[in-house]
Amino acid sequence: MLLQTTVHPADIQERNGGALLLATRLGRWPDLKKLFADGGDQGPQFKPAVAERLPDLAIDMIRRSDQAKGFVLLPKRWIVERTFDWFGRCRRLAKDVENLTATALAFLKLASIRLMLRRLCHPA
């Protein structure tokens, strides 16, 4: 489940968006021990932003090898892709059609609530 989300315009790069996410209330979870990030977050601004906000947080960068050709299964990457797939089942989130970032964030939170409710009502 999502701990914190932020929606920003498409002209903000992923690594800068990660720093923006950390500037939000992510510090509400002081017992958070590890952060998995992909190769898009390996810019010079991301790691200092993490160290400033959450100094005890370990960052595990999931990167694709430079020698890899074609599809390569990356460890822990499936967690993110699976979550995107779950949200993609909500028709409103299947396409980027929102004009306001606040509206997109509201529908993302509604989709997360829907997932939580389904798990509570139908435990595995």
N, C-alpha and C. Protein backbone atom coordinates (compact mmCIF):
# COMPACT_ATOMS: atom_id res chain seq x y z
N MET A 1 0.84 -1.18 0.00
CA MET A 1 0.00 0.00 0.00
C MET A 1 0.88 1.24 0.00
N LEU A 2 0.33 2.28 -0.51
CA LEU A 2 1.09 3.52 -0.62
C LEU A 2 1.23 4.20 0.73
N LEU A 3 2.41 4.67 1.02
CA LEU A 3 2.62 5.45 2.23
C LEU A 3 2.43 6.93 1.97
N GLN A 4 2.96 7.39 0.85
CA GLN A 4 2.88 8.81 0.50
C GLN A 4 2.91 8.93 -1.01
N THR A 5 2.15 9.87 -1.53
CA THR A 5 2.14 10.10 -2.97
C THR A 5 2.22 11.59 -3.24
N THR A 6 2.69 11.90 -4.40
CA THR A 6 2.66 13.27 -4.89
C THR A 6 2.46 13.21 -6.39
N VAL A 7 1.74 14.15 -6.92
CA VAL A 7 1.51 14.24 -8.36
C VAL A 7 2.09 15.57 -8.82
N HIS A 8 2.89 15.53 -9.84
CA HIS A 8 3.51 16.76 -10.34
C HIS A 8 3.40 16.78 -11.86
N PRO A 9 3.63 17.94 -12.46
CA PRO A 9 3.54 18.04 -13.93
C PRO A 9 4.60 17.17 -14.60
N ALA A 10 4.39 16.88 -15.87
CA ALA A 10 5.29 15.99 -16.61
C ALA A 10 6.64 16.63 -16.90
N ASP A 11 6.78 17.94 -16.71
CA ASP A 11 8.06 18.58 -16.99
C ASP A 11 9.05 18.47 -15.82
N ILE A 12 8.68 17.76 -14.76
CA ILE A 12 9.58 17.52 -13.63
C ILE A 12 10.16 16.11 -13.78
N GLN A 13 11.49 16.01 -13.77
CA GLN A 13 12.12 14.71 -13.92
C GLN A 13 11.86 13.84 -12.69
N GLU A 14 12.01 12.54 -12.88
CA GLU A 14 11.70 11.58 -11.81
C GLU A 14 12.55 11.82 -10.57
N ARG A 15 13.84 12.06 -10.74
CA ARG A 15 14.70 12.25 -9.56
C ARG A 15 14.32 13.52 -8.80
N ASN A 16 13.89 14.56 -9.50
CA ASN A 16 13.43 15.78 -8.82
C ASN A 16 12.08 15.54 -8.16
N GLY A 17 11.24 14.72 -8.79
CA GLY A 17 9.96 14.37 -8.19
C GLY A 17 10.14 13.54 -6.93
N GLY A 18 11.16 12.69 -6.90
CA GLY A 18 11.46 11.92 -5.69
C GLY A 18 11.88 12.83 -4.55
N ALA A 19 12.66 13.86 -4.86
CA ALA A 19 13.05 14.83 -3.83
C ALA A 19 11.83 15.60 -3.34
N LEU A 20 10.89 15.92 -4.25
CA LEU A 20 9.65 16.58 -3.84
C LEU A 20 8.82 15.69 -2.93
N LEU A 21 8.80 14.40 -3.24
CA LEU A 21 8.06 13.46 -2.40
C LEU A 21 8.64 13.42 -0.99
N LEU A 22 9.96 13.44 -0.90
CA LEU A 22 10.59 13.42 0.41
C LEU A 22 10.36 14.72 1.17
N ALA A 23 10.13 15.81 0.45
CA ALA A 23 9.85 17.08 1.11
C ALA A 23 8.45 17.12 1.72
N THR A 24 7.61 16.15 1.35
CA THR A 24 6.27 16.09 1.93
C THR A 24 6.37 15.41 3.29
N ARG A 25 5.31 14.83 3.73
CA ARG A 25 5.25 14.28 5.08
C ARG A 25 5.75 12.85 5.17
N LEU A 26 6.72 12.47 4.37
CA LEU A 26 7.24 11.11 4.42
C LEU A 26 7.91 10.82 5.76
N GLY A 27 8.33 11.86 6.46
CA GLY A 27 8.96 11.68 7.77
C GLY A 27 8.01 11.19 8.85
N ARG A 28 6.73 11.03 8.51
CA ARG A 28 5.77 10.51 9.49
C ARG A 28 6.04 9.06 9.84
N TRP A 29 6.86 8.39 9.07
CA TRP A 29 7.16 6.99 9.31
C TRP A 29 8.63 6.86 9.72
N PRO A 30 8.93 7.15 11.00
CA PRO A 30 10.33 7.10 11.43
C PRO A 30 10.91 5.69 11.45
N ASP A 31 10.06 4.67 11.47
CA ASP A 31 10.57 3.30 11.50
C ASP A 31 10.77 2.73 10.10
N LEU A 32 10.63 3.55 9.08
CA LEU A 32 10.91 3.12 7.71
C LEU A 32 12.42 2.90 7.57
N LYS A 33 12.82 1.71 7.16
CA LYS A 33 14.23 1.35 7.14
C LYS A 33 14.87 1.35 5.76
N LYS A 34 14.11 1.01 4.72
CA LYS A 34 14.71 0.85 3.40
C LYS A 34 13.81 1.47 2.34
N LEU A 35 14.43 2.11 1.38
CA LEU A 35 13.74 2.72 0.25
C LEU A 35 14.29 2.10 -1.02
N PHE A 36 13.41 1.54 -1.83
CA PHE A 36 13.81 1.00 -3.13
C PHE A 36 13.54 2.07 -4.18
N ALA A 37 14.55 2.38 -4.96
CA ALA A 37 14.41 3.39 -6.01
C ALA A 37 14.98 2.82 -7.30
N ASP A 38 14.45 3.28 -8.43
CA ASP A 38 14.98 2.78 -9.70
C ASP A 38 16.03 3.73 -10.24
N GLY A 39 16.54 3.41 -11.41
CA GLY A 39 17.64 4.18 -11.98
C GLY A 39 17.31 5.63 -12.26
N GLY A 40 16.04 5.97 -12.40
CA GLY A 40 15.65 7.35 -12.65
C GLY A 40 15.89 8.26 -11.46
N ASP A 41 16.11 7.70 -10.29
CA ASP A 41 16.31 8.50 -9.09
C ASP A 41 17.78 8.66 -8.71
N GLN A 42 18.69 8.35 -9.60
CA GLN A 42 20.09 8.38 -9.23
C GLN A 42 20.78 9.71 -9.52
N GLY A 43 20.03 10.78 -9.60
CA GLY A 43 20.61 12.10 -9.83
C GLY A 43 21.28 12.67 -8.60
N PRO A 44 21.94 13.81 -8.75
CA PRO A 44 22.68 14.40 -7.63
C PRO A 44 21.78 15.00 -6.54
N GLN A 45 20.51 15.22 -6.82
CA GLN A 45 19.63 15.84 -5.83
C GLN A 45 18.92 14.83 -4.94
N PHE A 46 18.77 13.61 -5.39
CA PHE A 46 17.93 12.65 -4.67
C PHE A 46 18.57 12.17 -3.38
N LYS A 47 19.79 11.67 -3.45
CA LYS A 47 20.44 11.12 -2.24
C LYS A 47 20.64 12.17 -1.15
N PRO A 48 21.08 13.41 -1.47
CA PRO A 48 21.17 14.42 -0.41
C PRO A 48 19.80 14.76 0.20
N ALA A 49 18.75 14.73 -0.62
CA ALA A 49 17.42 15.01 -0.09
C ALA A 49 16.99 13.91 0.88
N VAL A 50 17.30 12.66 0.55
CA VAL A 50 16.98 11.55 1.46
C VAL A 50 17.80 11.67 2.74
N ALA A 51 19.09 11.95 2.61
CA ALA A 51 19.96 12.06 3.79
C ALA A 51 19.52 13.20 4.71
N GLU A 52 19.01 14.26 4.12
CA GLU A 52 18.56 15.40 4.92
C GLU A 52 17.27 15.09 5.67
N ARG A 53 16.31 14.48 4.99
CA ARG A 53 14.99 14.23 5.59
C ARG A 53 14.97 13.00 6.49
N LEU A 54 15.58 11.92 6.01
CA LEU A 54 15.55 10.65 6.74
C LEU A 54 16.96 10.07 6.77
N PRO A 55 17.81 10.51 7.70
CA PRO A 55 19.21 10.09 7.68
C PRO A 55 19.45 8.61 7.94
N ASP A 56 18.52 7.92 8.61
CA ASP A 56 18.71 6.50 8.90
C ASP A 56 18.15 5.58 7.81
N LEU A 57 17.61 6.15 6.76
CA LEU A 57 16.98 5.37 5.69
C LEU A 57 18.03 4.87 4.71
N ALA A 58 18.04 3.57 4.47
CA ALA A 58 18.95 2.97 3.50
C ALA A 58 18.28 3.01 2.13
N ILE A 59 19.04 3.38 1.10
CA ILE A 59 18.52 3.45 -0.27
C ILE A 59 19.10 2.30 -1.05
N ASP A 60 18.23 1.53 -1.69
CA ASP A 60 18.65 0.43 -2.55
C ASP A 60 18.25 0.79 -3.98
N MET A 61 19.23 1.15 -4.81
CA MET A 61 18.97 1.53 -6.19
C MET A 61 18.85 0.27 -7.05
N ILE A 62 17.74 0.13 -7.72
CA ILE A 62 17.52 -1.00 -8.62
C ILE A 62 17.85 -0.51 -10.03
N ARG A 63 18.99 -0.94 -10.55
CA ARG A 63 19.44 -0.48 -11.85
C ARG A 63 19.57 -1.63 -12.82
N ARG A 64 19.39 -1.32 -14.06
CA ARG A 64 19.60 -2.30 -15.12
C ARG A 64 21.06 -2.26 -15.52
N SER A 65 21.64 -3.42 -15.75
CA SER A 65 23.04 -3.52 -16.14
C SER A 65 23.25 -2.91 -17.53
N ASP A 66 24.40 -2.28 -17.74
CA ASP A 66 24.72 -1.71 -19.05
C ASP A 66 24.95 -2.78 -20.10
N GLN A 67 25.34 -3.98 -19.67
CA GLN A 67 25.60 -5.07 -20.60
C GLN A 67 24.33 -5.83 -20.98
N ALA A 68 23.24 -5.58 -20.29
CA ALA A 68 22.00 -6.33 -20.54
C ALA A 68 21.40 -5.94 -21.89
N LYS A 69 20.91 -6.94 -22.58
CA LYS A 69 20.23 -6.71 -23.85
C LYS A 69 18.84 -7.32 -23.76
N GLY A 70 17.84 -6.60 -24.24
CA GLY A 70 16.47 -7.09 -24.19
C GLY A 70 15.88 -7.00 -22.79
N PHE A 71 14.89 -7.82 -22.54
CA PHE A 71 14.22 -7.81 -21.24
C PHE A 71 15.08 -8.46 -20.17
N VAL A 72 15.21 -7.78 -19.04
CA VAL A 72 15.94 -8.31 -17.90
C VAL A 72 15.07 -8.11 -16.67
N LEU A 73 14.83 -9.17 -15.93
CA LEU A 73 14.05 -9.09 -14.71
C LEU A 73 14.90 -8.45 -13.62
N LEU A 74 14.42 -7.33 -13.09
CA LEU A 74 15.16 -6.62 -12.04
C LEU A 74 14.56 -6.95 -10.68
N PRO A 75 15.41 -7.18 -9.68
CA PRO A 75 14.88 -7.51 -8.35
C PRO A 75 14.11 -6.34 -7.75
N LYS A 76 13.00 -6.63 -7.11
CA LYS A 76 12.13 -5.68 -6.42
C LYS A 76 11.38 -4.75 -7.37
N ARG A 77 11.71 -4.71 -8.64
CA ARG A 77 11.03 -3.84 -9.59
C ARG A 77 9.59 -4.30 -9.78
N TRP A 78 9.32 -5.59 -9.63
CA TRP A 78 7.98 -6.13 -9.83
C TRP A 78 7.00 -5.54 -8.82
N ILE A 79 7.47 -5.12 -7.66
CA ILE A 79 6.58 -4.54 -6.66
C ILE A 79 5.96 -3.26 -7.20
N VAL A 80 6.77 -2.42 -7.80
CA VAL A 80 6.27 -1.17 -8.37
C VAL A 80 5.35 -1.44 -9.55
N GLU A 81 5.78 -2.31 -10.44
CA GLU A 81 4.98 -2.61 -11.64
C GLU A 81 3.64 -3.25 -11.26
N ARG A 82 3.64 -4.12 -10.27
CA ARG A 82 2.40 -4.74 -9.80
C ARG A 82 1.44 -3.69 -9.27
N THR A 83 1.96 -2.73 -8.52
CA THR A 83 1.13 -1.67 -7.96
C THR A 83 0.55 -0.81 -9.07
N PHE A 84 1.36 -0.47 -10.08
CA PHE A 84 0.85 0.29 -11.21
C PHE A 84 -0.26 -0.48 -11.93
N ASP A 85 -0.10 -1.79 -12.02
CA ASP A 85 -1.12 -2.62 -12.65
C ASP A 85 -2.42 -2.59 -11.86
N TRP A 86 -2.33 -2.67 -10.54
CA TRP A 86 -3.53 -2.60 -9.71
C TRP A 86 -4.25 -1.27 -9.91
N PHE A 87 -3.49 -0.19 -9.97
CA PHE A 87 -4.11 1.12 -10.17
C PHE A 87 -4.65 1.26 -11.59
N GLY A 88 -4.02 0.60 -12.55
CA GLY A 88 -4.49 0.65 -13.92
C GLY A 88 -5.85 0.01 -14.12
N ARG A 89 -6.27 -0.82 -13.18
CA ARG A 89 -7.61 -1.41 -13.26
C ARG A 89 -8.70 -0.40 -13.01
N CYS A 90 -8.35 0.70 -12.37
CA CYS A 90 -9.30 1.79 -12.18
C CYS A 90 -9.30 2.61 -13.47
N ARG A 91 -10.42 2.62 -14.16
CA ARG A 91 -10.48 3.21 -15.50
C ARG A 91 -10.04 4.66 -15.51
N ARG A 92 -10.31 5.38 -14.45
CA ARG A 92 -9.96 6.80 -14.41
C ARG A 92 -8.44 6.99 -14.38
N LEU A 93 -7.72 6.01 -13.87
CA LEU A 93 -6.26 6.11 -13.78
C LEU A 93 -5.55 5.45 -14.96
N ALA A 94 -6.30 4.81 -15.84
CA ALA A 94 -5.69 4.11 -16.97
C ALA A 94 -5.07 5.09 -17.96
N LYS A 95 -5.58 6.29 -18.04
CA LYS A 95 -5.05 7.33 -18.93
C LYS A 95 -4.84 8.59 -18.12
N ASP A 96 -3.89 9.39 -18.54
CA ASP A 96 -3.64 10.67 -17.87
C ASP A 96 -4.56 11.73 -18.47
N VAL A 97 -5.74 11.88 -17.89
CA VAL A 97 -6.72 12.80 -18.44
C VAL A 97 -7.05 13.96 -17.51
N GLU A 98 -6.48 13.97 -16.32
CA GLU A 98 -6.83 15.00 -15.35
C GLU A 98 -6.13 16.32 -15.68
N ASN A 99 -6.86 17.41 -15.52
CA ASN A 99 -6.29 18.73 -15.75
C ASN A 99 -5.57 19.26 -14.51
N LEU A 100 -6.03 18.85 -13.35
CA LEU A 100 -5.45 19.34 -12.10
C LEU A 100 -4.72 18.21 -11.38
N THR A 101 -3.56 18.53 -10.83
CA THR A 101 -2.82 17.51 -10.09
C THR A 101 -3.57 17.09 -8.83
N ALA A 102 -4.33 18.01 -8.25
CA ALA A 102 -5.11 17.65 -7.06
C ALA A 102 -6.17 16.61 -7.39
N THR A 103 -6.78 16.69 -8.56
CA THR A 103 -7.77 15.71 -8.97
C THR A 103 -7.12 14.35 -9.20
N ALA A 104 -5.96 14.34 -9.87
CA ALA A 104 -5.24 13.09 -10.11
C ALA A 104 -4.84 12.44 -8.79
N LEU A 105 -4.39 13.23 -7.83
CA LEU A 105 -4.01 12.70 -6.53
C LEU A 105 -5.22 12.14 -5.78
N ALA A 106 -6.36 12.82 -5.89
CA ALA A 106 -7.58 12.33 -5.24
C ALA A 106 -8.00 10.98 -5.80
N PHE A 107 -7.95 10.81 -7.12
CA PHE A 107 -8.33 9.53 -7.71
C PHE A 107 -7.31 8.43 -7.40
N LEU A 108 -6.05 8.79 -7.26
CA LEU A 108 -5.04 7.82 -6.85
C LEU A 108 -5.32 7.33 -5.42
N LYS A 109 -5.68 8.25 -4.55
CA LYS A 109 -6.01 7.87 -3.17
C LYS A 109 -7.28 7.02 -3.13
N LEU A 110 -8.27 7.36 -3.95
CA LEU A 110 -9.49 6.54 -4.01
C LEU A 110 -9.18 5.13 -4.49
N ALA A 111 -8.31 5.01 -5.47
CA ALA A 111 -7.93 3.68 -5.96
C ALA A 111 -7.21 2.89 -4.87
N SER A 112 -6.38 3.56 -4.09
CA SER A 112 -5.69 2.89 -2.99
C SER A 112 -6.67 2.44 -1.91
N ILE A 113 -7.65 3.27 -1.62
CA ILE A 113 -8.69 2.90 -0.65
C ILE A 113 -9.48 1.70 -1.17
N ARG A 114 -9.77 1.69 -2.45
CA ARG A 114 -10.50 0.56 -3.06
C ARG A 114 -9.72 -0.73 -2.89
N LEU A 115 -8.40 -0.68 -3.13
CA LEU A 115 -7.58 -1.87 -2.95
C LEU A 115 -7.58 -2.35 -1.51
N MET A 116 -7.46 -1.41 -0.58
CA MET A 116 -7.47 -1.77 0.84
C MET A 116 -8.79 -2.41 1.25
N LEU A 117 -9.89 -1.83 0.80
CA LEU A 117 -11.21 -2.38 1.14
C LEU A 117 -11.41 -3.77 0.56
N ARG A 118 -10.94 -4.00 -0.65
CA ARG A 118 -11.07 -5.34 -1.25
C ARG A 118 -10.28 -6.37 -0.45
N ARG A 119 -9.12 -5.97 0.04
CA ARG A 119 -8.30 -6.89 0.83
C ARG A 119 -8.94 -7.17 2.19
N LEU A 120 -9.56 -6.16 2.77
CA LEU A 120 -10.23 -6.35 4.06
C LEU A 120 -11.48 -7.22 3.92
N CYS A 121 -12.21 -7.05 2.83
CA CYS A 121 -13.45 -7.81 2.62
C CYS A 121 -13.21 -9.22 2.13
N HIS A 122 -12.11 -9.43 1.40
CA HIS A 122 -11.81 -10.75 0.83
C HIS A 122 -10.38 -11.14 1.19
N PRO A 123 -10.12 -11.46 2.45
CA PRO A 123 -8.74 -11.83 2.82
C PRO A 123 -8.33 -13.14 2.13
N ALA A 124 -7.07 -13.19 1.77
CA ALA A 124 -6.54 -14.38 1.08
C ALA A 124 -6.27 -15.52 2.03
